[in-house]
Amino acid sequence: MNQTVSDIVRYKLINEDTVWMNGILLDKPAWVLDERRDSRSPILVILMKHNRTVGDIEEIKRKIRTKIWEIMEKRDIAIFPRPVYGRIPNFKMNETAAKRLIEMKMFQKADVVFVCPDSPQRPVREAVLKEDKTLIMATPRLRKGFLLLKPEYVPKGFEMKAATIRGAFRYGKIVTKPPYSIDLKVVGSVAVTLNGARLGKGGGFSDLEYAILKELNLIDEEVPIVTTVHDVQIVEYIPMTKHDVPLDYIFTPTRSIKTDTPYAKPEGIYIDELDIMKIKEIPILREIFGYKFKTK
């Protein structure tokens, strides 16, 4: 399936055939139609209007992920669990990045916070529980739905334990769909851009979570989407498609960034882009679409 994507992207021109993007050497794409020098910068500005296949986009994303994972391992920025390849990478000073988010008014005002189950965001989940907020998490690959942790479910002093995926299963309740509207959604990321483009580990589940919540009328465009990452995870460019959820805020150990993203948030689930196997495997999708599959 072809998707039309239009972007204005800054590259370093290496020669007539290659460009340097995000620290990755790429073949200069045949779909570049116009290029011009920016008087404010020696970087080449390329205006792209093209038809890229999903395969083209995924190859660019794969190279960005690989580069970030390599940097974090080689510079010893990554922490347990390692190696970080294939994961949302955990990083040194993740608690500092989380503290920047926790101190924000949008966090303080939120009653119900949806947080990914990834390791770098554990301090955020712990803070949600310590501040007597309701925590919602997705179960792995959404196969068991969602985990609901209300303040009264977790004994005082056990918030750190409950903030782990194992602890969330112990203290939380599994629900097919969240019973409350979401006030803030915290996602894990492999790479991000300053204007809110985001790249996950490649499974598409974070974007699917948002789409499901949108279909259930549990989230809207005004709900902030935020992430915590290390500074090295900020890159120049990430291709975005209609199902990719952009970021409103990025928090690193050194910066709090409001993206003012130009990207629109998805309107819901795009059935034409959804793998039929995910519908079979994820209960809430079967409910949403009314599919009936026999259990083996």
Protein backbone atom coordinates (compact mmCIF):
# COMPACT_ATOMS: atom_id res chain seq x y z
CA MET A 1 0.00 0.00 0.00
CA ASN A 2 1.40 3.44 -0.93
CA GLN A 3 1.09 6.38 1.41
CA THR A 4 1.65 9.97 0.38
CA VAL A 5 3.86 11.85 2.80
CA SER A 6 4.99 15.47 2.56
CA ASP A 7 7.77 16.78 4.74
CA ILE A 8 10.33 19.53 4.99
CA VAL A 9 13.50 17.94 6.32
CA ARG A 10 17.02 19.14 7.06
CA TYR A 11 19.80 16.93 5.75
CA LYS A 12 23.53 17.30 5.40
CA LEU A 13 24.39 16.78 1.74
CA ILE A 14 27.29 14.37 1.41
CA ASN A 15 27.35 14.17 -2.38
CA GLU A 16 24.85 14.02 -5.20
CA ASP A 17 23.67 10.57 -4.16
CA THR A 18 23.78 10.44 -0.38
CA VAL A 19 22.63 12.48 2.61
CA TRP A 20 23.44 12.39 6.32
CA MET A 21 20.32 12.19 8.48
CA ASN A 22 20.15 11.51 12.22
CA GLY A 23 23.77 10.36 12.07
CA ILE A 24 22.85 7.75 9.44
CA LEU A 25 24.16 7.73 5.89
CA LEU A 26 21.23 7.23 3.49
CA ASP A 27 20.95 7.05 -0.26
CA LYS A 28 19.59 10.32 -1.56
CA PRO A 29 16.01 9.37 -2.38
CA ALA A 30 14.74 9.51 -5.91
CA TRP A 31 11.53 11.12 -4.64
CA VAL A 32 13.13 14.47 -3.77
CA LEU A 33 11.51 17.09 -6.01
CA ASP A 34 12.93 20.37 -4.76
CA GLU A 35 15.91 21.41 -2.72
CA ARG A 36 17.23 24.80 -1.71
CA ARG A 37 19.83 26.33 0.56
CA ASP A 38 18.68 27.84 3.81
CA SER A 39 20.46 31.17 4.27
CA ARG A 40 20.48 30.66 8.04
CA SER A 41 22.25 27.31 7.93
CA PRO A 42 24.76 25.33 5.86
CA ILE A 43 22.34 22.41 6.11
CA LEU A 44 20.48 21.57 2.93
CA VAL A 45 16.71 21.94 3.15
CA ILE A 46 14.88 19.34 1.08
CA LEU A 47 11.21 19.57 0.24
CA MET A 48 9.80 16.10 -0.28
CA LYS A 49 6.52 15.36 -1.99
CA HIS A 50 6.45 11.76 -2.92
CA ASN A 51 4.79 8.41 -2.74
CA ARG A 52 6.76 6.27 -0.35
CA THR A 53 5.76 2.72 0.30
CA VAL A 54 5.29 1.45 3.82
CA GLY A 55 8.47 -0.56 3.25
CA ASP A 56 10.46 2.63 2.54
CA ILE A 57 9.20 4.27 5.73
CA GLU A 58 9.88 1.18 7.84
CA GLU A 59 13.44 0.94 6.51
CA ILE A 60 14.15 4.52 7.58
CA LYS A 61 12.63 3.82 10.99
CA ARG A 62 14.67 0.61 11.34
CA LYS A 63 17.90 2.50 10.69
CA ILE A 64 17.04 5.18 13.23
CA ARG A 65 16.20 2.58 15.91
CA THR A 66 19.40 0.65 15.27
CA LYS A 67 21.50 3.81 15.46
CA ILE A 68 19.96 4.89 18.78
CA TRP A 69 20.35 1.43 20.32
CA GLU A 70 23.99 1.32 19.21
CA ILE A 71 24.74 4.77 20.64
CA MET A 72 23.15 3.97 23.98
CA GLU A 73 25.03 0.69 24.32
CA LYS A 74 28.40 2.00 23.12
CA ARG A 75 28.29 5.10 25.32
CA ASP A 76 27.05 3.07 28.29
CA ILE A 77 23.96 5.27 28.60
CA ALA A 78 21.73 2.21 28.68
CA ILE A 79 20.89 0.45 31.94
CA PHE A 80 19.05 -2.75 32.85
CA PRO A 81 17.50 -4.50 31.04
CA ARG A 82 20.33 -4.87 28.54
CA PRO A 83 21.08 -5.16 25.75
CA VAL A 84 18.54 -2.54 24.70
CA TYR A 85 18.17 -3.77 21.12
CA GLY A 86 14.50 -4.44 20.42
CA ARG A 87 13.38 -2.57 23.55
CA ILE A 88 12.25 0.84 24.69
CA PRO A 89 15.71 1.58 26.06
CA ASN A 90 16.17 2.24 29.74
CA PHE A 91 18.71 4.95 30.47
CA LYS A 92 20.79 6.56 33.19
CA MET A 93 19.06 9.46 34.96
CA ASN A 94 15.61 8.23 33.97
CA GLU A 95 14.39 9.40 37.39
CA THR A 96 15.62 12.94 36.64
CA ALA A 97 13.66 12.97 33.39
CA ALA A 98 10.61 11.60 35.22
CA LYS A 99 10.94 14.29 37.92
CA ARG A 100 10.64 17.00 35.26
CA LEU A 101 7.33 15.50 34.15
CA ILE A 102 6.07 14.89 37.69
CA GLU A 103 6.63 18.55 38.61
CA MET A 104 4.48 19.77 35.71
CA LYS A 105 1.00 21.14 36.39
CA MET A 106 -0.52 18.75 33.85
CA PHE A 107 0.73 15.81 35.93
CA GLN A 108 -0.34 17.33 39.23
CA LYS A 109 -3.86 18.01 37.90
CA ALA A 110 -4.33 14.56 36.33
CA ASP A 111 -6.47 12.05 38.21
CA VAL A 112 -6.14 9.16 35.76
CA VAL A 113 -2.75 8.59 34.12
CA PHE A 114 -2.10 6.00 31.42
CA VAL A 115 1.56 4.92 31.46
CA CYS A 116 3.34 2.40 29.28
CA PRO A 117 4.81 -0.66 31.06
CA ASP A 118 8.38 0.02 29.86
CA SER A 119 11.36 0.21 32.22
CA PRO A 120 12.33 3.89 31.72
CA GLN A 121 8.84 5.00 32.78
CA ARG A 122 8.77 3.01 36.04
CA PRO A 123 9.53 6.16 38.11
CA VAL A 124 6.50 7.86 36.53
CA ARG A 125 4.24 4.93 37.41
CA GLU A 126 5.55 4.95 40.96
CA ALA A 127 4.83 8.68 41.27
CA VAL A 128 1.27 8.16 39.99
CA LEU A 129 0.64 5.65 42.78
CA LYS A 130 2.39 7.66 45.49
CA GLU A 131 0.29 10.73 44.67
CA ASP A 132 -2.95 8.74 44.98
CA LYS A 133 -3.81 8.87 41.31
CA THR A 134 -5.31 6.05 39.27
CA LEU A 135 -2.78 4.24 37.08
CA ILE A 136 -3.76 2.44 33.88
CA MET A 137 -1.32 0.28 31.93
CA ALA A 138 -1.60 -1.94 28.91
CA THR A 139 -0.86 -5.62 29.38
CA PRO A 140 1.92 -6.96 27.10
CA ARG A 141 0.76 -6.80 23.47
CA LEU A 142 -2.72 -5.92 24.81
CA ARG A 143 -3.63 -9.61 24.88
CA LYS A 144 -5.17 -9.43 28.34
CA GLY A 145 -6.48 -5.91 27.97
CA PHE A 146 -5.44 -3.33 30.55
CA LEU A 147 -4.26 -3.16 34.14
CA LEU A 148 -6.09 -0.88 36.55
CA LEU A 149 -4.34 0.23 39.74
CA LYS A 150 -6.33 2.46 42.06
CA PRO A 151 -4.68 4.01 45.13
CA GLU A 152 -6.51 1.69 47.51
CA TYR A 153 -5.22 -1.40 45.67
CA VAL A 154 -1.59 -0.76 46.65
CA PRO A 155 -0.45 -0.87 50.29
CA LYS A 156 1.54 2.17 51.40
CA GLY A 157 5.23 1.57 50.88
CA PHE A 158 4.67 -0.88 48.02
CA GLU A 159 4.34 1.70 45.22
CA MET A 160 7.76 0.95 43.74
CA LYS A 161 6.98 -2.75 43.59
CA ALA A 162 3.51 -2.14 42.11
CA ALA A 163 5.09 0.09 39.44
CA THR A 164 6.87 -2.90 37.88
CA ILE A 165 5.02 -5.06 35.37
CA ARG A 166 5.09 -8.05 37.77
CA GLY A 167 3.88 -5.89 40.64
CA ALA A 168 1.13 -4.35 38.52
CA PHE A 169 -0.25 -7.81 37.79
CA ARG A 170 -0.10 -8.62 41.50
CA TYR A 171 -1.77 -5.48 42.84
CA GLY A 172 -3.81 -4.35 39.86
CA LYS A 173 -6.96 -5.66 38.24
CA ILE A 174 -7.16 -6.85 34.64
CA VAL A 175 -9.92 -5.10 32.71
CA THR A 176 -10.96 -5.49 29.08
CA LYS A 177 -11.25 -1.72 28.76
CA PRO A 178 -10.39 1.13 31.12
CA PRO A 179 -13.35 2.35 33.18
CA TYR A 180 -12.21 5.99 33.28
CA SER A 181 -11.31 8.73 30.83
CA ILE A 182 -7.60 9.45 30.55
CA ASP A 183 -6.14 12.77 31.73
CA LEU A 184 -2.52 12.16 30.68
CA LYS A 185 -0.83 9.51 28.54
CA VAL A 186 2.85 8.66 29.04
CA VAL A 187 4.58 6.64 26.33
CA GLY A 188 7.99 5.05 25.89
CA SER A 189 10.16 5.98 22.91
CA VAL A 190 13.23 4.82 21.05
CA ALA A 191 13.67 8.16 19.28
CA VAL A 192 11.88 11.52 19.15
CA THR A 193 12.16 14.87 17.37
CA LEU A 194 11.76 18.33 18.82
CA ASN A 195 8.55 18.83 16.83
CA GLY A 196 6.89 15.77 18.36
CA ALA A 197 7.54 12.92 15.98
CA ARG A 198 8.02 9.66 17.87
CA LEU A 199 9.47 6.25 17.12
CA GLY A 200 8.75 3.19 19.26
CA LYS A 201 10.35 -0.23 19.14
CA GLY A 202 8.32 -1.27 16.09
CA GLY A 203 5.34 -3.23 17.36
CA GLY A 204 2.85 -0.42 16.91
CA PHE A 205 1.14 -1.09 20.24
CA SER A 206 1.52 2.40 21.72
CA ASP A 207 -0.23 3.90 18.70
CA LEU A 208 -2.85 1.15 18.84
CA GLU A 209 -3.50 1.88 22.53
CA TYR A 210 -4.26 5.49 21.66
CA ALA A 211 -6.51 4.46 18.77
CA ILE A 212 -8.45 2.06 21.01
CA LEU A 213 -8.88 4.72 23.71
CA LYS A 214 -10.09 7.12 21.03
CA GLU A 215 -12.63 4.59 19.73
CA LEU A 216 -13.88 4.11 23.30
CA ASN A 217 -14.17 7.89 23.80
CA LEU A 218 -11.72 7.68 26.70
CA ILE A 219 -9.20 10.14 25.25
CA ASP A 220 -9.33 13.17 22.98
CA GLU A 221 -6.94 15.49 21.17
CA GLU A 222 -6.57 17.75 24.21
CA VAL A 223 -5.06 15.02 26.40
CA PRO A 224 -1.28 15.53 26.54
CA ILE A 225 0.90 12.75 25.10
CA VAL A 226 4.32 12.84 26.73
CA THR A 227 7.50 10.79 26.92
CA THR A 228 10.71 10.55 28.94
CA VAL A 229 13.93 9.87 27.03
CA HIS A 230 17.67 10.48 27.22
CA ASP A 231 18.99 13.48 25.31
CA VAL A 232 20.75 11.25 22.78
CA GLN A 233 17.37 9.89 21.72
CA ILE A 234 16.43 13.24 20.16
CA VAL A 235 17.01 13.08 16.39
CA GLU A 236 16.46 15.42 13.46
CA TYR A 237 13.77 13.54 11.58
CA ILE A 238 11.33 10.66 11.91
CA PRO A 239 8.77 9.88 9.17
CA MET A 240 5.20 10.03 10.47
CA THR A 241 2.10 8.36 9.03
CA LYS A 242 -1.56 8.89 9.86
CA HIS A 243 -1.65 6.27 12.64
CA ASP A 244 1.49 7.55 14.41
CA VAL A 245 0.71 9.46 17.61
CA PRO A 246 2.77 12.66 18.02
CA LEU A 247 4.15 13.98 21.29
CA ASP A 248 3.08 17.15 23.05
CA TYR A 249 5.94 17.14 25.56
CA ILE A 250 9.37 15.51 25.83
CA PHE A 251 11.28 15.24 29.11
CA THR A 252 14.99 14.41 29.27
CA PRO A 253 17.43 14.55 32.19
CA THR A 254 18.37 18.10 31.09
CA ARG A 255 15.33 19.53 29.28
CA SER A 256 11.56 19.94 29.34
CA ILE A 257 10.35 20.43 25.78
CA LYS A 258 6.95 21.57 24.57
CA THR A 259 6.84 20.38 20.98
CA ASP A 260 4.00 22.46 19.51
CA THR A 261 3.72 19.52 17.16
CA PRO A 262 2.36 20.14 13.66
CA TYR A 263 1.22 16.51 13.41
CA ALA A 264 -2.44 15.63 13.89
CA LYS A 265 -3.37 12.90 16.33
CA PRO A 266 -5.10 9.84 14.84
CA GLU A 267 -8.89 9.93 14.65
CA GLY A 268 -9.17 6.35 15.87
CA ILE A 269 -8.43 2.90 14.48
CA TYR A 270 -7.66 2.77 10.78
CA ILE A 271 -8.96 -0.64 9.84
CA ASP A 272 -7.11 -0.60 6.51
CA GLU A 273 -3.80 -0.52 8.41
CA LEU A 274 -4.69 -3.05 11.10
CA ASP A 275 -3.29 -6.57 10.94
CA ILE A 276 -6.15 -9.09 11.06
CA MET A 277 -4.08 -11.19 13.50
CA LYS A 278 -4.16 -8.34 16.03
CA ILE A 279 -7.94 -8.33 15.86
CA LYS A 280 -7.94 -12.05 16.55
CA GLU A 281 -5.47 -11.78 19.44
CA ILE A 282 -6.69 -8.63 21.24
CA PRO A 283 -10.05 -8.95 23.03
CA ILE A 284 -10.99 -5.27 22.93
CA LEU A 285 -10.46 -5.15 19.15
CA ARG A 286 -12.79 -8.11 18.73
CA GLU A 287 -15.35 -6.24 20.80
CA ILE A 288 -14.92 -2.99 18.89
CA PHE A 289 -15.27 -4.55 15.49
CA GLY A 290 -17.77 -7.21 16.48
CA TYR A 291 -15.63 -10.06 15.19
CA LYS A 292 -16.31 -13.52 16.54
CA PHE A 293 -13.43 -15.93 16.58
CA LYS A 294 -13.54 -19.44 17.96
CA THR A 295 -11.13 -20.06 20.83
CA LYS A 296 -9.06 -23.13 20.45
